[in-house]
């Protein structure tokens, strides 16, 4: 038996009274989080959900996320974390594709009506409301205000705080993380209990310890980076997680000082924002011991500035949803090299390959291929897509890199045309396909263009249908309603034609 929920259960058994979660004035102990997770498991078991089933969770960084997440695992089911910015039709797609007939969904706010979107998507996917549980914005609320839809607290009432965790196997699916790669609709990367647990253990052992650690949980927990490096590592370490539902640099700095944060993990744009906040008068937290960067390449000048300003070494790493996610890291005990993503973590191999999977000798460049305990089982229900990227246990990432004489890897280009906007992956083809459903759009090409704070912004080049008069603001507004907030293009440029290859492919490099 192996179940990822052991990272919570072991800590609750050994340190029941230690603080696990912090949100404002709220403090939740490990024992309480584990008890709530057990109640969630009982709820699911009462619905007939167990080993082999999938359950979706749409929630920002709030206490709900960890205890529902581990409750799903305790029941034996796999968690399908959903990006909180998804629109109803996107939620419906993820539910149908993953086979999830149960959704725990945060109510949301006026600015982010996640509950409404989640319920609309759930109804579209399942035809009803059975299996939809609202995580209310008002703490402990038992009335949801939506007829026929229970709140989580109402559903948990009277359920026991102990549960015998399902006897899942190491290769059973624990989490399904959705990623588009670079083509087509999002694919669900199936990660096993062993994948996720080994990645948490190895990552935990790499990070320096500071006695009773406090992690700033500002990376979205629905994303693989935050899920493994912050939540699973933090819970295994028996750290306190200071939850940040929405990153705001000034508030984050203040919280780091207030809660005596020892570990911060973020994407490059977060580091850039923290530096800006310090220059605007924010105070540097004196307790910070470990700074981890991932999700995109951290500009060397920003890295050096962070190290000077915060007095810590920034440890940069690399990984993907398909690799649980950590694959390489600038590891303590070895020299760190700015501008690199370090060396493969324990138990993981990396090499550079060409288009035919042949090893590229020397420094490269070549495409990174990875093999080890962190590699996904495959894409759910997509054997052909899985076969395209996996061979003999090796997973090819699509990312181009070089490798120096000491074995340190440096990313030189991302897979094809993927855009990273503020740490979120945006896949141009998915945006293009939505754009093409607009009656005034004849052809669309989406690229990433440089942006000072986000790293990249999404830009769409559009050829209008003959006679169409749609304007840029009108098309941007339409996209805002059709796509998640991190995906839709903020900039539209109309063209009469696109540069093309002889075979008719759009030359995006000439559009950037």
Protein backbone atom coordinates (compact mmCIF):
# COMPACT_ATOMS: atom_id res chain seq x y z
CA UNK A 1 0.00 0.00 0.00
CA UNK A 2 1.14 3.53 -0.73
CA UNK A 3 -0.97 6.67 -0.47
CA UNK A 4 0.20 10.27 -0.84
CA UNK A 5 -2.02 11.29 2.09
CA UNK A 6 0.69 9.84 4.38
CA UNK A 7 2.44 13.24 4.25
CA UNK A 8 -0.50 14.61 6.26
CA UNK A 9 -1.27 11.51 8.35
CA UNK A 10 2.28 11.01 9.61
CA UNK A 11 2.61 14.67 10.63
CA UNK A 12 -0.81 14.65 12.33
CA UNK A 13 0.17 11.56 14.30
CA UNK A 14 3.60 12.84 15.35
CA UNK A 15 2.80 16.56 15.82
CA UNK A 16 -0.97 16.84 16.19
CA UNK A 17 -0.94 20.28 17.80
CA UNK A 18 1.56 21.90 15.45
CA UNK A 19 0.14 24.59 13.16
CA UNK A 20 -0.39 23.33 9.62
CA UNK A 21 -2.30 26.18 7.99
CA UNK A 22 -2.40 29.93 8.53
CA UNK A 23 -4.87 32.31 6.88
CA UNK A 24 -5.24 35.71 8.49
CA UNK A 25 -6.11 35.09 12.13
CA UNK A 26 -7.05 31.46 11.48
CA UNK A 27 -4.69 28.74 12.71
CA UNK A 28 -5.41 25.09 11.90
CA UNK A 29 -3.46 22.25 13.51
CA UNK A 30 -2.29 19.11 11.76
CA UNK A 31 -4.79 17.10 13.79
CA UNK A 32 -7.68 19.30 12.65
CA UNK A 33 -6.67 19.22 8.98
CA UNK A 34 -6.37 15.42 9.12
CA UNK A 35 -9.75 15.09 10.86
CA UNK A 36 -11.45 17.23 8.20
CA UNK A 37 -9.75 15.19 5.45
CA UNK A 38 -11.16 12.04 7.06
CA UNK A 39 -14.64 13.56 7.01
CA UNK A 40 -14.26 14.35 3.30
CA UNK A 41 -13.20 10.73 2.71
CA UNK A 42 -16.30 9.50 4.57
CA UNK A 43 -18.47 11.80 2.44
CA UNK A 44 -16.98 10.39 -0.76
CA UNK A 45 -17.26 6.80 0.44
CA UNK A 46 -20.95 7.42 1.19
CA UNK A 47 -21.33 8.47 -2.47
CA UNK A 48 -19.77 5.21 -3.62
CA UNK A 49 -16.52 6.89 -4.63
CA UNK A 50 -13.27 5.05 -4.03
CA UNK A 51 -10.22 3.52 -5.66
CA UNK A 52 -10.13 4.15 -9.40
CA UNK A 53 -12.52 7.11 -9.34
CA UNK A 54 -11.68 10.76 -10.03
CA UNK A 55 -12.82 13.83 -8.08
CA UNK A 56 -12.31 17.44 -9.20
CA UNK A 57 -11.31 20.33 -6.94
CA UNK A 58 -11.53 24.01 -7.92
CA UNK A 59 -10.23 26.23 -5.12
CA UNK A 60 -7.62 28.96 -4.59
CA UNK A 61 -5.07 28.81 -1.76
CA UNK A 62 -7.50 28.44 1.12
CA UNK A 63 -7.65 25.83 3.93
CA UNK A 64 -10.26 23.94 1.91
CA UNK A 65 -7.72 22.94 -0.70
CA UNK A 66 -5.40 20.76 1.44
CA UNK A 67 -8.04 18.96 3.48
CA UNK A 68 -10.28 18.23 0.48
CA UNK A 69 -7.22 17.17 -1.56
CA UNK A 70 -6.01 14.70 1.07
CA UNK A 71 -9.57 13.57 1.77
CA UNK A 72 -9.97 12.57 -1.87
CA UNK A 73 -6.70 10.64 -1.66
CA UNK A 74 -7.72 8.92 1.58
CA UNK A 75 -10.88 7.70 -0.16
CA UNK A 76 -8.67 6.10 -2.81
CA UNK A 77 -9.74 8.43 -5.62
CA UNK A 78 -7.54 10.61 -7.81
CA UNK A 79 -7.60 14.40 -7.46
CA UNK A 80 -8.25 16.55 -10.54
CA UNK A 81 -7.18 20.08 -9.53
CA UNK A 82 -8.73 22.76 -11.73
CA UNK A 83 -7.33 26.19 -12.49
CA UNK A 84 -9.62 28.68 -10.74
CA UNK A 85 -9.67 30.97 -13.79
CA UNK A 86 -11.37 28.45 -16.08
CA UNK A 87 -14.66 29.35 -17.75
CA UNK A 88 -17.73 27.04 -17.56
CA UNK A 89 -17.14 25.30 -20.88
CA UNK A 90 -13.51 24.67 -19.94
CA UNK A 91 -14.56 23.20 -16.57
CA UNK A 92 -17.06 20.95 -18.34
CA UNK A 93 -14.34 19.71 -20.69
CA UNK A 94 -12.00 18.83 -17.80
CA UNK A 95 -14.77 17.00 -15.94
CA UNK A 96 -15.77 14.95 -18.97
CA UNK A 97 -12.21 14.17 -19.98
CA UNK A 98 -11.14 13.08 -16.48
CA UNK A 99 -14.36 11.17 -15.79
CA UNK A 100 -15.00 13.20 -12.63
CA UNK A 101 -18.64 13.20 -11.53
CA UNK A 102 -17.90 14.99 -8.24
CA UNK A 103 -16.65 18.57 -7.93
CA UNK A 104 -15.68 20.49 -4.81
CA UNK A 105 -15.86 24.13 -5.88
CA UNK A 106 -15.10 27.34 -3.99
CA UNK A 107 -17.94 29.84 -4.03
CA UNK A 108 -15.66 32.62 -5.20
CA UNK A 109 -16.06 36.38 -5.05
CA UNK A 110 -17.73 39.13 -7.03
CA UNK A 111 -14.50 39.49 -9.02
CA UNK A 112 -14.09 35.73 -9.47
CA UNK A 113 -17.50 34.00 -9.50
CA UNK A 114 -15.95 30.54 -9.40
CA UNK A 115 -19.01 28.90 -7.82
CA UNK A 116 -21.30 30.06 -10.63
CA UNK A 117 -18.84 29.02 -13.31
CA UNK A 118 -18.18 25.69 -11.61
CA UNK A 119 -21.87 24.87 -11.28
CA UNK A 120 -22.54 25.83 -14.91
CA UNK A 121 -19.67 23.65 -16.08
CA UNK A 122 -20.75 20.79 -13.80
CA UNK A 123 -24.32 20.90 -15.12
CA UNK A 124 -23.05 20.94 -18.69
CA UNK A 125 -20.85 17.90 -18.03
CA UNK A 126 -23.19 15.81 -15.86
CA UNK A 127 -26.68 17.13 -16.54
CA UNK A 128 -27.45 17.86 -12.90
CA UNK A 129 -26.15 18.99 -9.51
CA UNK A 130 -25.68 15.68 -7.68
CA UNK A 131 -22.02 15.47 -6.74
CA UNK A 132 -21.45 19.24 -6.66
CA UNK A 133 -20.31 20.55 -3.26
CA UNK A 134 -19.90 24.29 -2.66
CA UNK A 135 -16.97 25.49 -0.55
CA UNK A 136 -18.58 28.63 0.92
CA UNK A 137 -16.78 31.96 1.11
CA UNK A 138 -18.37 32.49 4.55
CA UNK A 139 -16.54 30.24 7.03
CA UNK A 140 -18.60 27.28 8.31
CA UNK A 141 -21.70 28.34 6.34
CA UNK A 142 -24.19 25.49 5.94
CA UNK A 143 -26.58 27.30 3.57
CA UNK A 144 -25.36 27.72 0.00
CA UNK A 145 -28.03 29.96 -1.44
CA UNK A 146 -28.23 27.68 -4.49
CA UNK A 147 -31.21 25.36 -4.44
CA UNK A 148 -30.25 21.70 -4.40
CA UNK A 149 -26.55 22.42 -3.86
CA UNK A 150 -25.13 21.61 -0.41
CA UNK A 151 -22.19 23.40 1.14
CA UNK A 152 -19.26 21.27 2.22
CA UNK A 153 -20.01 21.95 5.89
CA UNK A 154 -23.58 20.74 5.57
CA UNK A 155 -22.36 17.62 3.76
CA UNK A 156 -19.74 16.88 6.44
CA UNK A 157 -22.05 17.35 9.42
CA UNK A 158 -22.01 14.34 11.71
CA UNK A 159 -19.36 12.43 9.79
CA UNK A 160 -16.54 10.78 11.79
CA UNK A 161 -13.12 12.42 12.06
CA UNK A 162 -11.33 9.11 11.54
CA UNK A 163 -11.09 7.07 8.34
CA UNK A 164 -9.13 4.01 7.30
CA UNK A 165 -7.23 5.18 4.23
CA UNK A 166 -7.92 3.18 1.09
CA UNK A 167 -5.29 0.59 0.24
CA UNK A 168 -4.02 2.21 -2.94
CA UNK A 169 -0.97 0.87 -4.74
CA UNK A 170 2.17 2.78 -5.70
CA UNK A 171 1.11 2.85 -9.36
CA UNK A 172 -2.49 3.90 -8.71
CA UNK A 173 -3.24 7.39 -10.03
CA UNK A 174 -3.13 10.04 -7.30
CA UNK A 175 -3.45 13.25 -9.30
CA UNK A 176 -4.42 14.20 -12.86
CA UNK A 177 -2.82 17.48 -13.90
CA UNK A 178 -4.03 19.06 -17.11
CA UNK A 179 -1.54 20.38 -19.62
CA UNK A 180 -1.92 21.16 -23.31
CA UNK A 181 1.63 20.46 -24.35
CA UNK A 182 1.79 22.55 -27.50
CA UNK A 183 -1.05 21.15 -29.57
CA UNK A 184 -4.72 20.42 -29.18
CA UNK A 185 -6.94 20.49 -26.14
CA UNK A 186 -5.61 20.02 -22.59
CA UNK A 187 -4.39 16.51 -21.74
CA UNK A 188 -4.51 14.95 -18.29
CA UNK A 189 -1.10 13.81 -17.06
CA UNK A 190 -1.71 10.87 -14.71
CA UNK A 191 0.68 10.92 -11.77
CA UNK A 192 0.85 7.99 -9.38
CA UNK A 193 1.10 7.99 -5.60
CA UNK A 194 4.73 6.93 -6.03
CA UNK A 195 5.43 9.75 -8.52
CA UNK A 196 4.07 12.42 -6.20
CA UNK A 197 5.39 11.02 -2.93
CA UNK A 198 8.93 10.43 -4.22
CA UNK A 199 9.05 13.93 -5.69
CA UNK A 200 7.97 15.40 -2.36
CA UNK A 201 10.49 13.31 -0.38
CA UNK A 202 13.42 14.10 -2.68
CA UNK A 203 12.52 17.80 -2.82
CA UNK A 204 12.14 17.94 0.96
CA UNK A 205 15.58 16.40 1.47
CA UNK A 206 17.16 19.00 -0.84
CA UNK A 207 15.82 22.08 0.91
CA UNK A 208 17.67 23.33 4.01
CA UNK A 209 15.69 23.02 7.24
CA UNK A 210 15.11 25.85 9.69
CA UNK A 211 13.73 24.10 12.77
CA UNK A 212 10.01 24.79 12.64
CA UNK A 213 9.66 25.95 9.05
CA UNK A 214 7.04 28.34 7.71
CA UNK A 215 6.34 28.18 3.96
CA UNK A 216 4.69 31.03 2.07
CA UNK A 217 2.01 29.33 -0.03
CA UNK A 218 1.51 31.85 -2.81
CA UNK A 219 2.08 29.52 -5.78
CA UNK A 220 -1.33 28.14 -6.79
CA UNK A 221 -1.85 24.79 -5.09
CA UNK A 222 -3.80 23.58 -8.14
CA UNK A 223 -0.51 23.80 -10.08
CA UNK A 224 2.14 21.07 -9.83
CA UNK A 225 4.85 23.46 -8.53
CA UNK A 226 2.80 24.68 -5.56
CA UNK A 227 1.25 21.27 -4.94
CA UNK A 228 4.55 19.39 -4.59
CA UNK A 229 7.11 21.97 -3.47
CA UNK A 230 4.86 23.88 -1.07
CA UNK A 231 1.97 21.66 0.07
CA UNK A 232 3.31 18.11 -0.05
CA UNK A 233 6.85 19.04 0.99
CA UNK A 234 5.53 21.42 3.65
CA UNK A 235 3.16 18.85 5.13
CA UNK A 236 5.84 16.15 5.13
CA UNK A 237 8.21 18.56 6.90
CA UNK A 238 5.49 19.49 9.43
CA UNK A 239 5.86 23.13 8.43
CA UNK A 240 3.20 25.80 8.73
CA UNK A 241 1.77 26.96 5.40
CA UNK A 242 0.93 30.68 5.33
CA UNK A 243 -1.75 30.72 2.65
CA UNK A 244 -1.93 33.52 0.08
CA UNK A 245 -5.10 33.24 -2.06
CA UNK A 246 -3.96 36.01 -4.38
CA UNK A 247 -0.38 37.23 -4.71
CA UNK A 248 0.20 40.90 -4.01
CA UNK A 249 3.88 41.71 -3.41
CA UNK A 250 3.52 44.30 -0.65
CA UNK A 251 1.12 42.13 1.33
CA UNK A 252 3.32 39.09 0.72
CA UNK A 253 6.36 40.87 2.17
CA UNK A 254 4.38 41.94 5.24
CA UNK A 255 3.05 38.39 5.74
CA UNK A 256 6.57 36.96 5.42
CA UNK A 257 7.70 39.21 8.26
CA UNK A 258 4.60 38.64 10.38
CA UNK A 259 4.65 34.83 10.13
CA UNK A 260 8.47 34.51 10.14
CA UNK A 261 8.51 32.73 6.78
CA UNK A 262 11.60 30.58 6.19
CA UNK A 263 10.92 29.28 2.64
CA UNK A 264 9.59 31.09 -0.41
CA UNK A 265 9.01 29.44 -3.77
CA UNK A 266 7.86 31.45 -6.74
CA UNK A 267 7.95 32.07 -10.46
CA UNK A 268 10.23 34.80 -11.88
CA UNK A 269 7.47 37.42 -12.08
CA UNK A 270 6.88 37.03 -8.33
CA UNK A 271 10.54 37.70 -7.58
CA UNK A 272 10.43 40.73 -9.87
CA UNK A 273 7.34 42.01 -8.04
CA UNK A 274 8.90 41.48 -4.59
CA UNK A 275 11.97 43.49 -5.62
CA UNK A 276 9.70 46.28 -6.85
CA UNK A 277 7.81 46.23 -3.54
CA UNK A 278 11.06 46.47 -1.53
CA UNK A 279 12.14 49.46 -3.60
CA UNK A 280 8.76 51.05 -2.87
CA UNK A 281 9.42 50.82 0.87
CA UNK A 282 8.62 47.22 1.75
CA UNK A 283 10.80 45.57 4.40
CA UNK A 284 12.89 42.48 3.72
CA UNK A 285 11.83 39.49 5.87
CA UNK A 286 14.76 38.60 8.17
CA UNK A 287 13.80 34.94 8.66
CA UNK A 288 13.94 33.83 5.00
CA UNK A 289 16.41 30.95 4.58
CA UNK A 290 15.44 29.30 1.30
CA UNK A 291 14.31 30.82 -2.00
CA UNK A 292 13.23 28.51 -4.83
CA UNK A 293 12.47 29.57 -8.39
CA UNK A 294 10.83 27.61 -11.19
CA UNK A 295 8.09 27.73 -13.80
CA UNK A 296 10.22 29.74 -16.23
CA UNK A 297 13.81 30.89 -16.53
CA UNK A 298 14.70 33.53 -13.95
CA UNK A 299 16.68 36.35 -15.60
CA UNK A 300 20.20 36.33 -14.18
CA UNK A 301 20.07 40.03 -13.33
CA UNK A 302 16.86 39.52 -11.33
CA UNK A 303 18.39 36.51 -9.56
CA UNK A 304 21.46 38.51 -8.54
CA UNK A 305 19.29 41.41 -7.38
CA UNK A 306 17.16 39.07 -5.24
CA UNK A 307 20.25 37.55 -3.66
CA UNK A 308 21.67 40.98 -2.85
CA UNK A 309 18.38 42.32 -1.54
CA UNK A 310 17.15 39.33 0.47
CA UNK A 311 20.50 37.88 1.49
CA UNK A 312 19.64 34.36 0.34
CA UNK A 313 20.81 32.13 -2.50
CA UNK A 314 18.10 31.56 -5.08
CA UNK A 315 17.89 27.87 -5.97
CA UNK A 316 16.55 27.50 -9.50
CA UNK A 317 15.04 24.27 -10.77
CA UNK A 318 13.18 22.77 -13.69
CA UNK A 319 10.28 20.44 -14.25
CA UNK A 320 6.89 19.91 -15.86
CA UNK A 321 3.49 18.65 -14.81
CA UNK A 322 4.46 15.36 -16.44
CA UNK A 323 7.49 15.06 -14.11
CA UNK A 324 5.64 15.56 -10.79
CA UNK A 325 7.14 18.31 -11.37
CA UNK A 326 10.77 18.58 -10.11
CA UNK A 327 13.37 17.10 -12.48
CA UNK A 328 16.54 19.16 -11.91
CA UNK A 329 17.68 21.64 -9.31
CA UNK A 330 20.55 23.80 -8.14
CA UNK A 331 21.06 21.65 -5.10
CA UNK A 332 22.46 22.63 -1.69
CA UNK A 333 25.90 21.18 -1.12
CA UNK A 334 26.90 21.85 -4.72
CA UNK A 335 27.87 25.14 -6.34
CA UNK A 336 24.87 27.02 -7.69
CA UNK A 337 25.16 28.36 -11.21
CA UNK A 338 23.09 31.39 -12.10
CA UNK A 339 21.18 30.97 -15.33
CA UNK A 340 21.06 27.18 -15.07
CA UNK A 341 18.39 24.81 -13.78
CA UNK A 342 20.99 22.72 -12.01
CA UNK A 343 21.52 18.97 -12.21
CA UNK A 344 19.06 16.05 -12.14
CA UNK A 345 17.59 15.34 -8.71
CA UNK A 346 18.23 12.02 -6.91
CA UNK A 347 16.84 9.04 -8.79
CA UNK A 348 16.35 10.97 -12.02
CA UNK A 349 18.35 10.93 -15.27
CA UNK A 350 18.42 13.62 -17.94
CA UNK A 351 19.93 13.67 -21.40
CA UNK A 352 19.74 15.71 -24.59
CA UNK A 353 18.18 14.05 -27.63
CA UNK A 354 17.53 14.87 -31.27
CA UNK A 355 14.27 14.41 -33.18
CA UNK A 356 14.98 10.66 -33.52
CA UNK A 357 15.62 10.13 -29.79
CA UNK A 358 19.36 9.80 -30.40
CA UNK A 359 21.57 11.21 -27.66
CA UNK A 360 23.16 14.55 -28.47
CA UNK A 361 26.77 14.48 -27.25
CA UNK A 362 28.63 17.22 -25.45
CA UNK A 363 27.01 20.53 -24.62
CA UNK A 364 24.19 20.28 -27.16
CA UNK A 365 21.84 21.98 -27.71
CA UNK A 366 19.23 19.25 -27.72
CA UNK A 367 15.79 18.42 -26.39
CA UNK A 368 15.68 17.40 -22.73
CA UNK A 369 14.60 13.82 -22.09
CA UNK A 370 13.99 12.61 -18.53
CA UNK A 371 13.74 9.18 -16.90
CA UNK A 372 13.08 8.31 -13.27
CA UNK A 373 10.57 7.95 -10.46
CA UNK A 374 8.97 11.28 -11.38
CA UNK A 375 7.69 10.41 -14.87
CA UNK A 376 3.92 10.29 -15.32
CA UNK A 377 2.03 7.10 -16.16
CA UNK A 378 0.82 8.77 -19.36
CA UNK A 379 -1.89 11.06 -20.66
CA UNK A 380 -5.31 9.88 -19.57
CA UNK A 381 -7.15 8.16 -22.41
CA UNK A 382 -4.54 9.24 -24.98
CA UNK A 383 -2.20 6.34 -25.78
CA UNK A 384 -1.05 7.93 -29.05
CA UNK A 385 -0.15 11.24 -27.39
CA UNK A 386 1.65 9.30 -24.65
CA UNK A 387 3.62 7.27 -27.20
CA UNK A 388 4.74 10.48 -28.90
CA UNK A 389 6.56 11.69 -25.79
CA UNK A 390 7.56 8.45 -24.00
CA UNK A 391 9.91 5.66 -25.01
CA UNK A 392 11.67 3.05 -22.84
CA UNK A 393 10.79 5.01 -19.72
CA UNK A 394 12.16 8.28 -21.13
CA UNK A 395 9.93 11.35 -21.44
CA UNK A 396 10.85 14.00 -23.99
CA UNK A 397 9.97 17.46 -22.76
CA UNK A 398 10.06 19.55 -25.92
CA UNK A 399 12.36 22.00 -24.12
CA UNK A 400 15.69 22.77 -25.76
CA UNK A 401 18.72 23.05 -23.49
CA UNK A 402 22.48 22.94 -23.27
CA UNK A 403 24.56 21.07 -20.67
CA UNK A 404 27.93 22.23 -19.38
CA UNK A 405 30.94 20.11 -18.45
CA UNK A 406 29.69 19.81 -14.84
CA UNK A 407 26.31 18.46 -15.91
CA UNK A 408 24.32 21.66 -15.29
CA UNK A 409 21.46 22.24 -17.73
CA UNK A 410 20.41 25.61 -19.17
CA UNK A 411 17.09 26.10 -20.97
CA UNK A 412 17.62 27.94 -24.25
CA UNK A 413 14.17 27.70 -25.82
CA UNK A 414 10.72 26.48 -24.85
CA UNK A 415 8.81 23.81 -26.65
CA UNK A 416 7.61 25.21 -29.93
CA UNK A 417 5.46 28.27 -29.26
CA UNK A 418 4.23 27.90 -25.67
CA UNK A 419 3.72 31.21 -23.87
CA UNK A 420 4.36 31.65 -20.14
CA UNK A 421 2.26 34.57 -18.93
CA UNK A 422 2.82 35.43 -15.27
CA UNK A 423 3.83 31.84 -14.54
CA UNK A 424 0.83 30.28 -16.33
CA UNK A 425 1.31 28.19 -19.45
CA UNK A 426 -0.70 29.44 -22.41
CA UNK A 427 -0.89 27.28 -25.50
CA UNK A 428 -1.38 29.31 -28.68
CA UNK A 429 -3.27 26.67 -30.64
CA UNK A 430 -5.94 26.40 -27.95
CA UNK A 431 -6.44 30.19 -28.04
CA UNK A 432 -6.40 30.18 -31.84
CA UNK A 433 -9.07 27.50 -32.01
CA UNK A 434 -11.38 29.55 -29.79
CA UNK A 435 -10.69 32.71 -31.80
CA UNK A 436 -11.57 30.87 -34.99
CA UNK A 437 -15.08 30.26 -33.68
CA UNK A 438 -15.76 34.02 -33.92
CA UNK A 439 -17.65 34.79 -37.11
CA UNK A 440 -15.43 37.75 -37.94
CA UNK A 441 -12.15 35.81 -37.64
CA UNK A 442 -10.86 34.18 -40.79
CA UNK A 443 -7.44 33.17 -39.51
CA UNK A 444 -5.57 33.70 -36.25
CA UNK A 445 -2.02 33.32 -35.06
CA UNK A 446 -1.22 33.72 -31.36
CA UNK A 447 2.26 34.48 -30.04
CA UNK A 448 3.90 35.65 -26.85
CA UNK A 449 5.35 39.15 -26.81
CA UNK A 450 7.65 40.55 -24.09
CA UNK A 451 5.95 42.13 -21.08
CA UNK A 452 7.76 43.95 -18.29
CA UNK A 453 6.05 42.34 -15.30
CA UNK A 454 4.36 39.21 -16.69
CA UNK A 455 7.31 37.98 -18.71
CA UNK A 456 5.10 37.53 -21.75
CA UNK A 457 1.73 38.83 -22.91
CA UNK A 458 -0.62 36.98 -25.25
CA UNK A 459 -0.98 38.68 -28.63
CA UNK A 460 -3.26 37.59 -31.45
CA UNK A 461 -2.71 38.40 -35.11
CA UNK A 462 -6.03 38.16 -36.92
CA UNK A 463 -7.14 38.16 -40.55
CA UNK A 464 -10.79 39.23 -40.61
CA UNK A 465 -13.42 37.60 -42.75
CA UNK A 466 -14.29 39.75 -45.80
CA UNK A 467 -16.59 42.60 -44.85
CA UNK A 468 -16.12 42.09 -41.10
CA UNK A 469 -15.74 45.27 -39.04
CA UNK A 470 -14.98 43.84 -35.59
CA UNK A 471 -12.61 46.11 -33.65
CA UNK A 472 -9.72 45.19 -31.36
CA UNK A 473 -11.61 46.11 -28.13
CA UNK A 474 -14.65 44.13 -29.26
CA UNK A 475 -12.61 41.01 -30.03
CA UNK A 476 -10.63 41.27 -26.78
CA UNK A 477 -13.89 41.57 -24.83
CA UNK A 478 -15.30 38.51 -26.60
CA UNK A 479 -12.16 36.52 -25.78
CA UNK A 480 -12.40 37.58 -22.13
CA UNK A 481 -15.79 35.88 -21.90
CA UNK A 482 -14.71 32.78 -23.80
CA UNK A 483 -11.40 31.97 -22.11
CA UNK A 484 -9.73 31.86 -18.71
CA UNK A 485 -8.27 35.19 -17.58
CA UNK A 486 -4.67 34.07 -18.03
CA UNK A 487 -5.27 32.83 -21.60
CA UNK A 488 -7.14 35.45 -23.57
CA UNK A 489 -5.17 37.87 -25.76
CA UNK A 490 -4.96 41.42 -24.42
CA UNK A 491 -3.57 42.64 -27.73
CA UNK A 492 -5.06 42.03 -31.19
CA UNK A 493 -3.44 43.18 -34.42
CA UNK A 494 -5.31 42.86 -37.68
CA UNK A 495 -3.39 41.79 -40.77
CA UNK A 496 -4.21 41.25 -44.43
CA UNK A 497 -1.95 38.19 -44.55
CA UNK A 498 0.64 36.15 -42.62
CA UNK A 499 4.18 35.14 -43.55
CA UNK A 500 4.09 31.47 -44.55
CA UNK A 501 6.41 28.58 -45.26
CA UNK A 502 6.21 26.80 -48.59
CA UNK A 503 4.01 24.18 -47.02
CA UNK A 504 1.58 26.79 -45.71
CA UNK A 505 2.63 26.96 -42.07
CA UNK A 506 2.52 30.37 -40.44
CA UNK A 507 5.99 31.69 -39.64
CA UNK A 508 5.33 32.84 -36.08
CA UNK A 509 8.92 33.85 -35.51
CA UNK A 510 8.38 36.63 -38.05
CA UNK A 511 5.29 37.85 -36.21
CA UNK A 512 6.95 38.27 -32.81
